[in-house]
PDB file of N, CA and C in Angstrom:
ATOM      1  N   MET A   1      21.679  41.686  77.802  1.00  0.00           N
ATOM      2  CA  MET A   1      21.964  40.446  78.496  1.00  0.00           C
ATOM      3  C   MET A   1      20.785  39.499  78.372  1.00  0.00           C
ATOM      4  N   MET A   2      20.537  38.778  79.418  1.00  0.00           N
ATOM      5  CA  MET A   2      19.449  37.818  79.440  1.00  0.00           C
ATOM      6  C   MET A   2      18.189  38.520  79.923  1.00  0.00           C
ATOM      7  N   ASN A   3      17.172  38.445  79.162  1.00  0.00           N
ATOM      8  CA  ASN A   3      15.929  39.112  79.506  1.00  0.00           C
ATOM      9  C   ASN A   3      15.047  38.222  80.365  1.00  0.00           C
ATOM     10  N   GLY A   4      15.474  37.928  81.495  1.00  0.00           N
ATOM     11  CA  GLY A   4      14.653  37.172  82.413  1.00  0.00           C
ATOM     12  C   GLY A   4      14.932  35.690  82.403  1.00  0.00           C
ATOM     13  N   TRP A   5      13.951  34.982  82.882  1.00  0.00           N
ATOM     14  CA  TRP A   5      14.054  33.542  83.077  1.00  0.00           C
ATOM     15  C   TRP A   5      14.087  32.801  81.743  1.00  0.00           C
ATOM     16  N   ASN A   6      14.720  31.635  81.660  1.00  0.00           N
ATOM     17  CA  ASN A   6      14.822  30.787  80.470  1.00  0.00           C
ATOM     18  C   ASN A   6      15.600  31.444  79.336  1.00  0.00           C
ATOM     19  N   GLY A   7      16.481  32.320  79.636  1.00  0.00           N
ATOM     20  CA  GLY A   7      17.290  32.920  78.598  1.00  0.00           C
ATOM     21  C   GLY A   7      16.500  33.822  77.681  1.00  0.00           C
ATOM     22  N   GLY A   8      15.363  34.286  78.102  1.00  0.00           N
ATOM     23  CA  GLY A   8      14.582  35.196  77.303  1.00  0.00           C
ATOM     24  C   GLY A   8      13.716  34.529  76.259  1.00  0.00           C
ATOM     25  N   MET A   9      13.642  33.187  76.219  1.00  0.00           N
ATOM     26  CA  MET A   9      12.820  32.514  75.230  1.00  0.00           C
ATOM     27  C   MET A   9      11.367  32.508  75.709  1.00  0.00           C
ATOM     28  N   THR A  10      10.462  32.869  74.843  1.00  0.00           N
ATOM     29  CA  THR A  10       9.049  32.909  75.201  1.00  0.00           C
ATOM     30  C   THR A  10       8.450  31.514  75.110  1.00  0.00           C
ATOM     31  N   TRP A  11       7.200  31.369  75.522  1.00  0.00           N
ATOM     32  CA  TRP A  11       6.550  30.062  75.461  1.00  0.00           C
ATOM     33  C   TRP A  11       6.372  29.615  74.016  1.00  0.00           C
ATOM     34  N   GLU A  12       6.224  30.569  73.092  1.00  0.00           N
ATOM     35  CA  GLU A  12       6.112  30.205  71.685  1.00  0.00           C
ATOM     36  C   GLU A  12       7.423  29.597  71.172  1.00  0.00           C
ATOM     37  N   GLY A  13       8.528  30.162  71.623  1.00  0.00           N
ATOM     38  CA  GLY A  13       9.839  29.626  71.243  1.00  0.00           C
ATOM     39  C   GLY A  13      10.040  28.217  71.751  1.00  0.00           C
ATOM     40  N   TRP A  14       9.658  27.974  73.005  1.00  0.00           N
ATOM     41  CA  TRP A  14       9.772  26.636  73.575  1.00  0.00           C
ATOM     42  C   TRP A  14       8.855  25.653  72.841  1.00  0.00           C
ATOM     43  N   LEU A  15       7.644  26.074  72.529  1.00  0.00           N
ATOM     44  CA  LEU A  15       6.710  25.215  71.805  1.00  0.00           C
ATOM     45  C   LEU A  15       7.263  24.862  70.425  1.00  0.00           C
ATOM     46  N   PHE A  16       7.745  25.870  69.703  1.00  0.00           N
ATOM     47  CA  PHE A  16       8.300  25.628  68.370  1.00  0.00           C
ATOM     48  C   PHE A  16       9.512  24.710  68.445  1.00  0.00           C
ATOM     49  N   MET A  17      10.398  24.942  69.403  1.00  0.00           N
ATOM     50  CA  MET A  17      11.599  24.119  69.542  1.00  0.00           C
ATOM     51  C   MET A  17      11.218  22.675  69.879  1.00  0.00           C
ATOM     52  N   SER A  18      10.250  22.482  70.761  1.00  0.00           N
ATOM     53  CA  SER A  18       9.823  21.132  71.137  1.00  0.00           C
ATOM     54  C   SER A  18       9.203  20.407  69.946  1.00  0.00           C
ATOM     55  N   LEU A  19       8.334  21.088  69.215  1.00  0.00           N
ATOM     56  CA  LEU A  19       7.714  20.481  68.038  1.00  0.00           C
ATOM     57  C   LEU A  19       8.749  20.148  66.972  1.00  0.00           C
ATOM     58  N   PHE A  20       9.707  21.024  66.793  1.00  0.00           N
ATOM     59  CA  PHE A  20      10.763  20.800  65.809  1.00  0.00           C
ATOM     60  C   PHE A  20      11.502  19.495  66.108  1.00  0.00           C
ATOM     61  N   TRP A  21      11.905  19.289  67.381  1.00  0.00           N
ATOM     62  CA  TRP A  21      12.664  18.097  67.726  1.00  0.00           C
ATOM     63  C   TRP A  21      11.810  16.832  67.648  1.00  0.00           C
ATOM     64  N   VAL A  22      10.536  16.923  68.018  1.00  0.00           N
ATOM     65  CA  VAL A  22       9.658  15.766  67.920  1.00  0.00           C
ATOM     66  C   VAL A  22       9.483  15.361  66.452  1.00  0.00           C
ATOM     67  N   VAL A  23       9.237  16.341  65.594  1.00  0.00           N
ATOM     68  CA  VAL A  23       9.072  16.056  64.168  1.00  0.00           C
ATOM     69  C   VAL A  23      10.371  15.519  63.574  1.00  0.00           C
ATOM     70  N   LEU A  24      11.493  16.083  63.948  1.00  0.00           N
ATOM     71  CA  LEU A  24      12.787  15.611  63.437  1.00  0.00           C
ATOM     72  C   LEU A  24      13.040  14.162  63.839  1.00  0.00           C
ATOM     73  N   LEU A  25      12.768  13.815  65.085  1.00  0.00           N
ATOM     74  CA  LEU A  25      12.955  12.427  65.511  1.00  0.00           C
ATOM     75  C   LEU A  25      12.002  11.484  64.793  1.00  0.00           C
ATOM     76  N   MET A  26      10.778  11.916  64.559  1.00  0.00           N
ATOM     77  CA  MET A  26       9.827  11.079  63.822  1.00  0.00           C
ATOM     78  C   MET A  26      10.296  10.843  62.388  1.00  0.00           C
ATOM     79  N   VAL A  27      10.841  11.845  61.746  1.00  0.00           N
ATOM     80  CA  VAL A  27      11.344  11.701  60.384  1.00  0.00           C
ATOM     81  C   VAL A  27      12.540  10.745  60.357  1.00  0.00           C
ATOM     82  N   ILE A  28      13.401  10.820  61.345  1.00  0.00           N
ATOM     83  CA  ILE A  28      14.565   9.931  61.402  1.00  0.00           C
ATOM     84  C   ILE A  28      14.111   8.488  61.583  1.00  0.00           C
ATOM     85  N   VAL A  29      13.172   8.244  62.485  1.00  0.00           N
ATOM     86  CA  VAL A  29      12.672   6.885  62.703  1.00  0.00           C
ATOM     87  C   VAL A  29      11.987   6.357  61.444  1.00  0.00           C
ATOM     88  N   TRP A  30      11.194   7.185  60.785  1.00  0.00           N
ATOM     89  CA  TRP A  30      10.527   6.777  59.549  1.00  0.00           C
ATOM     90  C   TRP A  30      11.550   6.419  58.469  1.00  0.00           C
ATOM     91  N   ALA A  31      12.592   7.259  58.325  1.00  0.00           N
ATOM     92  CA  ALA A  31      13.610   7.017  57.298  1.00  0.00           C
ATOM     93  C   ALA A  31      14.359   5.718  57.555  1.00  0.00           C
ATOM     94  N   VAL A  32      14.702   5.450  58.798  1.00  0.00           N
ATOM     95  CA  VAL A  32      15.395   4.200  59.126  1.00  0.00           C
ATOM     96  C   VAL A  32      14.490   3.007  58.857  1.00  0.00           C
ATOM     97  N   ALA A  33      13.219   3.118  59.194  1.00  0.00           N
ATOM     98  CA  ALA A  33      12.281   2.019  58.939  1.00  0.00           C
ATOM     99  C   ALA A  33      12.126   1.766  57.445  1.00  0.00           C
ATOM    100  N   ARG A  34      12.145   2.800  56.632  1.00  0.00           N
ATOM    101  CA  ARG A  34      12.030   2.632  55.177  1.00  0.00           C
ATOM    102  C   ARG A  34      13.312   2.064  54.572  1.00  0.00           C
ATOM    103  N   LEU A  35      14.463   2.409  55.122  1.00  0.00           N
ATOM    104  CA  LEU A  35      15.726   1.912  54.587  1.00  0.00           C
ATOM    105  C   LEU A  35      15.964   0.444  54.943  1.00  0.00           C
ATOM    106  N   PHE A  36      15.491   0.026  56.106  1.00  0.00           N
ATOM    107  CA  PHE A  36      15.737  -1.324  56.577  1.00  0.00           C
ATOM    108  C   PHE A  36      14.418  -2.021  56.904  1.00  0.00           C
ATOM    109  N   PRO A  37      13.659  -2.442  55.884  1.00  0.00           N
ATOM    110  CA  PRO A  37      12.405  -3.141  56.172  1.00  0.00           C
ATOM    111  C   PRO A  37      12.701  -4.505  56.786  1.00  0.00           C
ATOM    112  N   ASN A  38      11.767  -5.019  57.542  1.00  0.00           N
ATOM    113  CA  ASN A  38      12.022  -6.319  58.153  1.00  0.00           C
ATOM    114  C   ASN A  38      11.926  -7.422  57.110  1.00  0.00           C
ATOM    115  N   ARG A  39      12.328  -8.611  57.467  1.00  0.00           N
ATOM    116  CA  ARG A  39      12.448  -9.711  56.519  1.00  0.00           C
ATOM    117  C   ARG A  39      11.110 -10.098  55.890  1.00  0.00           C
ATOM    118  N   ASP A  40      10.046 -10.096  56.666  1.00  0.00           N
ATOM    119  CA  ASP A  40       8.734 -10.484  56.142  1.00  0.00           C
ATOM    120  C   ASP A  40       8.273  -9.534  55.049  1.00  0.00           C
ATOM    121  N   GLU A  41       8.486  -8.233  55.211  1.00  0.00           N
ATOM    122  CA  GLU A  41       8.084  -7.268  54.195  1.00  0.00           C
ATOM    123  C   GLU A  41       8.863  -7.477  52.900  1.00  0.00           C
ATOM    124  N   ARG A  42      10.157  -7.790  53.006  1.00  0.00           N
ATOM    125  CA  ARG A  42      10.957  -8.041  51.802  1.00  0.00           C
ATOM    126  C   ARG A  42      10.455  -9.280  51.072  1.00  0.00           C
ATOM    127  N   GLN A  43      10.108 -10.347  51.799  1.00  0.00           N
ATOM    128  CA  GLN A  43       9.624 -11.561  51.153  1.00  0.00           C
ATOM    129  C   GLN A  43       8.296 -11.321  50.466  1.00  0.00           C
ATOM    130  N   VAL A  44       7.399 -10.607  51.125  1.00  0.00           N
ATOM    131  CA  VAL A  44       6.089 -10.338  50.530  1.00  0.00           C
ATOM    132  C   VAL A  44       6.243  -9.454  49.302  1.00  0.00           C
ATOM    133  N   ALA A  45       7.099  -8.434  49.376  1.00  0.00           N
ATOM    134  CA  ALA A  45       7.307  -7.541  48.238  1.00  0.00           C
ATOM    135  C   ALA A  45       7.944  -8.290  47.064  1.00  0.00           C
ATOM    136  N   ALA A  46       8.901  -9.167  47.337  1.00  0.00           N
ATOM    137  CA  ALA A  46       9.582  -9.899  46.267  1.00  0.00           C
ATOM    138  C   ALA A  46       8.650 -10.916  45.614  1.00  0.00           C
ATOM    139  N   ALA A  47       7.771 -11.515  46.399  1.00  0.00           N
ATOM    140  CA  ALA A  47       6.893 -12.541  45.869  1.00  0.00           C
ATOM    141  C   ALA A  47       5.628 -11.968  45.259  1.00  0.00           C
ATOM    142  N   GLY A  48       5.315 -10.745  45.587  1.00  0.00           N
ATOM    143  CA  GLY A  48       4.093 -10.150  45.079  1.00  0.00           C
ATOM    144  C   GLY A  48       2.855 -10.678  45.785  1.00  0.00           C
ATOM    145  N   GLY A  49       3.015 -11.240  46.925  1.00  0.00           N
ATOM    146  CA  GLY A  49       1.898 -11.788  47.686  1.00  0.00           C
ATOM    147  C   GLY A  49       2.417 -12.384  48.970  1.00  0.00           C
ATOM    148  N   PRO A  50       1.762 -13.437  49.453  1.00  0.00           N
ATOM    149  CA  PRO A  50       2.221 -14.077  50.684  1.00  0.00           C
ATOM    150  C   PRO A  50       3.632 -14.621  50.526  1.00  0.00           C
ATOM    151  N   ALA A  51       4.369 -14.632  51.611  1.00  0.00           N
ATOM    152  CA  ALA A  51       5.760 -15.075  51.581  1.00  0.00           C
ATOM    153  C   ALA A  51       5.851 -16.544  51.173  1.00  0.00           C
ATOM    154  N   LEU A  52       6.782 -16.857  50.273  1.00  0.00           N
ATOM    155  CA  LEU A  52       7.005 -18.225  49.825  1.00  0.00           C
ATOM    156  C   LEU A  52       8.253 -18.768  50.498  1.00  0.00           C
ATOM    157  N   THR A  53       8.297 -20.075  50.667  1.00  0.00           N
ATOM    158  CA  THR A  53       9.516 -20.668  51.185  1.00  0.00           C
ATOM    159  C   THR A  53      10.521 -20.769  50.053  1.00  0.00           C
ATOM    160  N   THR A  54      11.788 -20.902  50.394  1.00  0.00           N
ATOM    161  CA  THR A  54      12.813 -20.944  49.355  1.00  0.00           C
ATOM    162  C   THR A  54      12.697 -22.220  48.521  1.00  0.00           C
ATOM    163  N   ALA A  55      12.129 -23.304  49.049  1.00  0.00           N
ATOM    164  CA  ALA A  55      11.987 -24.540  48.290  1.00  0.00           C
ATOM    165  C   ALA A  55      10.888 -24.414  47.230  1.00  0.00           C
ATOM    166  N   GLU A  56       9.872 -23.596  47.482  1.00  0.00           N
ATOM    167  CA  GLU A  56       8.778 -23.449  46.531  1.00  0.00           C
ATOM    168  C   GLU A  56       9.133 -22.506  45.386  1.00  0.00           C
ATOM    169  N   GLN A  57       9.848 -21.475  45.657  1.00  0.00           N
ATOM    170  CA  GLN A  57      10.072 -20.441  44.654  1.00  0.00           C
ATOM    171  C   GLN A  57      10.801 -20.943  43.407  1.00  0.00           C
ATOM    172  N   PRO A  58      11.906 -21.652  43.479  1.00  0.00           N
ATOM    173  CA  PRO A  58      12.563 -22.115  42.246  1.00  0.00           C
ATOM    174  C   PRO A  58      11.683 -23.056  41.417  1.00  0.00           C
ATOM    175  N   ARG A  59      10.929 -23.906  42.080  1.00  0.00           N
ATOM    176  CA  ARG A  59      10.059 -24.839  41.356  1.00  0.00           C
ATOM    177  C   ARG A  59       8.965 -24.069  40.618  1.00  0.00           C
ATOM    178  N   GLU A  60       8.407 -23.052  41.249  1.00  0.00           N
ATOM    179  CA  GLU A  60       7.366 -22.259  40.583  1.00  0.00           C
ATOM    180  C   GLU A  60       7.921 -21.502  39.382  1.00  0.00           C
ATOM    181  N   ILE A  61       9.137 -20.998  39.505  1.00  0.00           N
ATOM    182  CA  ILE A  61       9.764 -20.303  38.377  1.00  0.00           C
ATOM    183  C   ILE A  61       9.971 -21.284  37.222  1.00  0.00           C
ATOM    184  N   LEU A  62      10.427 -22.475  37.545  1.00  0.00           N
ATOM    185  CA  LEU A  62      10.647 -23.489  36.510  1.00  0.00           C
ATOM    186  C   LEU A  62       9.330 -23.868  35.835  1.00  0.00           C
ATOM    187  N   ASP A  63       8.278 -24.052  36.624  1.00  0.00           N
ATOM    188  CA  ASP A  63       6.963 -24.372  36.051  1.00  0.00           C
ATOM    189  C   ASP A  63       6.464 -23.243  35.142  1.00  0.00           C
ATOM    190  N   ARG A  64       6.660 -22.025  35.570  1.00  0.00           N
ATOM    191  CA  ARG A  64       6.219 -20.869  34.771  1.00  0.00           C
ATOM    192  C   ARG A  64       6.989 -20.785  33.458  1.00  0.00           C
ATOM    193  N   ARG A  65       8.291 -21.060  33.498  1.00  0.00           N
ATOM    194  CA  ARG A  65       9.095 -21.011  32.269  1.00  0.00           C
ATOM    195  C   ARG A  65       8.657 -22.084  31.280  1.00  0.00           C
ATOM    196  N   LEU A  66       8.300 -23.278  31.770  1.00  0.00           N
ATOM    197  CA  LEU A  66       7.796 -24.324  30.888  1.00  0.00           C
ATOM    198  C   LEU A  66       6.448 -23.922  30.306  1.00  0.00           C
ATOM    199  N   ALA A  67       5.575 -23.388  31.139  1.00  0.00           N
ATOM    200  CA  ALA A  67       4.242 -23.001  30.676  1.00  0.00           C
ATOM    201  C   ALA A  67       4.296 -21.876  29.648  1.00  0.00           C
ATOM    202  N   SER A  68       5.258 -20.968  29.782  1.00  0.00           N
ATOM    203  CA  SER A  68       5.341 -19.854  28.835  1.00  0.00           C
ATOM    204  C   SER A  68       6.105 -20.214  27.569  1.00  0.00           C
ATOM    205  N   GLY A  69       6.724 -21.399  27.531  1.00  0.00           N
ATOM    206  CA  GLY A  69       7.426 -21.837  26.335  1.00  0.00           C
ATOM    207  C   GLY A  69       8.876 -21.401  26.277  1.00  0.00           C
ATOM    208  N   GLU A  70       9.411 -20.905  27.373  1.00  0.00           N
ATOM    209  CA  GLU A  70      10.822 -20.489  27.391  1.00  0.00           C
ATOM    210  C   GLU A  70      11.757 -21.690  27.325  1.00  0.00           C
ATOM    211  N   ILE A  71      11.339 -22.804  27.906  1.00  0.00           N
ATOM    212  CA  ILE A  71      12.160 -24.013  27.897  1.00  0.00           C
ATOM    213  C   ILE A  71      11.304 -25.176  27.397  1.00  0.00           C
ATOM    214  N   ASP A  72      11.986 -26.230  26.876  1.00  0.00           N
ATOM    215  CA  ASP A  72      11.252 -27.400  26.413  1.00  0.00           C
ATOM    216  C   ASP A  72      11.149 -28.425  27.544  1.00  0.00           C
ATOM    217  N   VAL A  73      10.453 -29.509  27.291  1.00  0.00           N
ATOM    218  CA  VAL A  73      10.184 -30.507  28.328  1.00  0.00           C
ATOM    219  C   VAL A  73      11.470 -31.184  28.789  1.00  0.00           C
ATOM    220  N   ASP A  74      12.403 -31.473  27.857  1.00  0.00           N
ATOM    221  CA  ASP A  74      13.662 -32.119  28.241  1.00  0.00           C
ATOM    222  C   ASP A  74      14.463 -31.234  29.201  1.00  0.00           C
ATOM    223  N   THR A  75      14.540 -29.959  28.869  1.00  0.00           N
ATOM    224  CA  THR A  75      15.259 -29.021  29.737  1.00  0.00           C
ATOM    225  C   THR A  75      14.561 -28.905  31.090  1.00  0.00           C
ATOM    226  N   TYR A  76      13.235 -28.895  31.064  1.00  0.00           N
ATOM    227  CA  TYR A  76      12.462 -28.831  32.303  1.00  0.00           C
ATOM    228  C   TYR A  76      12.789 -30.019  33.207  1.00  0.00           C
ATOM    229  N   GLU A  77      12.803 -31.216  32.623  1.00  0.00           N
ATOM    230  CA  GLU A  77      13.082 -32.420  33.414  1.00  0.00           C
ATOM    231  C   GLU A  77      14.489 -32.375  34.005  1.00  0.00           C
ATOM    232  N   LYS A  78      15.476 -31.942  33.211  1.00  0.00           N
ATOM    233  CA  LYS A  78      16.852 -31.846  33.712  1.00  0.00           C
ATOM    234  C   LYS A  78      16.956 -30.847  34.868  1.00  0.00           C
ATOM    235  N   LEU A  79      16.342 -29.688  34.689  1.00  0.00           N
ATOM    236  CA  LEU A  79      16.406 -28.672  35.735  1.00  0.00           C
ATOM    237  C   LEU A  79      15.634 -29.095  36.983  1.00  0.00           C
ATOM    238  N   ARG A  80      14.538 -29.803  36.792  1.00  0.00           N
ATOM    239  CA  ARG A  80      13.761 -30.272  37.939  1.00  0.00           C
ATOM    240  C   ARG A  80      14.558 -31.297  38.743  1.00  0.00           C
ATOM    241  N   LYS A  81      15.273 -32.188  38.049  1.00  0.00           N
ATOM    242  CA  LYS A  81      16.128 -33.153  38.740  1.00  0.00           C
ATOM    243  C   LYS A  81      17.253 -32.445  39.480  1.00  0.00           C
ATOM    244  N   THR A  82      17.811 -31.417  38.852  1.00  0.00           N
ATOM    245  CA  THR A  82      18.881 -30.659  39.511  1.00  0.00           C
ATOM    246  C   THR A  82      18.357 -29.978  40.775  1.00  0.00           C
ATOM    247  N   LEU A  83      17.164 -29.407  40.688  1.00  0.00           N
ATOM    248  CA  LEU A  83      16.571 -28.774  41.861  1.00  0.00           C
ATOM    249  C   LEU A  83      16.285 -29.790  42.954  1.00  0.00           C
ATOM    250  N   SER A  84      15.783 -30.961  42.578  1.00  0.00           N
ATOM    251  CA  SER A  84      15.491 -32.001  43.566  1.00  0.00           C
ATOM    252  C   SER A  84      16.759 -32.475  44.238  1.00  0.00           C
ATOM    253  N   ALA A  85      17.834 -32.616  43.486  1.00  0.00           N
ATOM    254  CA  ALA A  85      19.113 -33.028  44.075  1.00  0.00           C
ATOM    255  C   ALA A  85      19.638 -31.961  45.032  1.00  0.00           C
ATOM    256  N   GLY A  86      19.460 -30.698  44.694  1.00  0.00           N
ATOM    257  CA  GLY A  86      19.907 -29.619  45.566  1.00  0.00           C
ATOM    258  C   GLY A  86      19.098 -29.548  46.848  1.00  0.00           C
ATOM    259  N   GLU A  87      17.813 -29.901  46.794  1.00  0.00           N
ATOM    260  CA  GLU A  87      16.962 -29.869  47.987  1.00  0.00           C
ATOM    261  C   GLU A  87      17.303 -31.017  48.933  1.00  0.00           C
ATOM    262  N   GLN A  88      17.806 -32.136  48.400  1.00  0.00           N
ATOM    263  CA  GLN A  88      18.108 -33.296  49.237  1.00  0.00           C
ATOM    264  C   GLN A  88      19.377 -33.106  50.041  1.00  0.00           C
ATOM    265  N   ARG A  89      20.260 -32.210  49.623  1.00  0.00           N
ATOM    266  CA  ARG A  89      21.528 -32.003  50.334  1.00  0.00           C
ATOM    267  C   ARG A  89      21.330 -31.351  51.644  1.00  0.00           C
TER     268      ARG A  89
END
């Protein structure tokens, strides 16, 4: 039957059970935090540095493409006007 108080569980059993549940809850909280990072962490990770506003990022990409030779000056001017028109709306 039951060997005394607490269902026969010794203090070592209680200690192990308590540590097990504490560690399990910590792992669950860590996993949820890793799966759902907050918005600031996503912006910093995507930008590779300090968070950029959405108005700055497309212009910087366009400038980089012109500087690397991916697009010519005429295309740059057209895309820059398109971006400016989109920002005014």
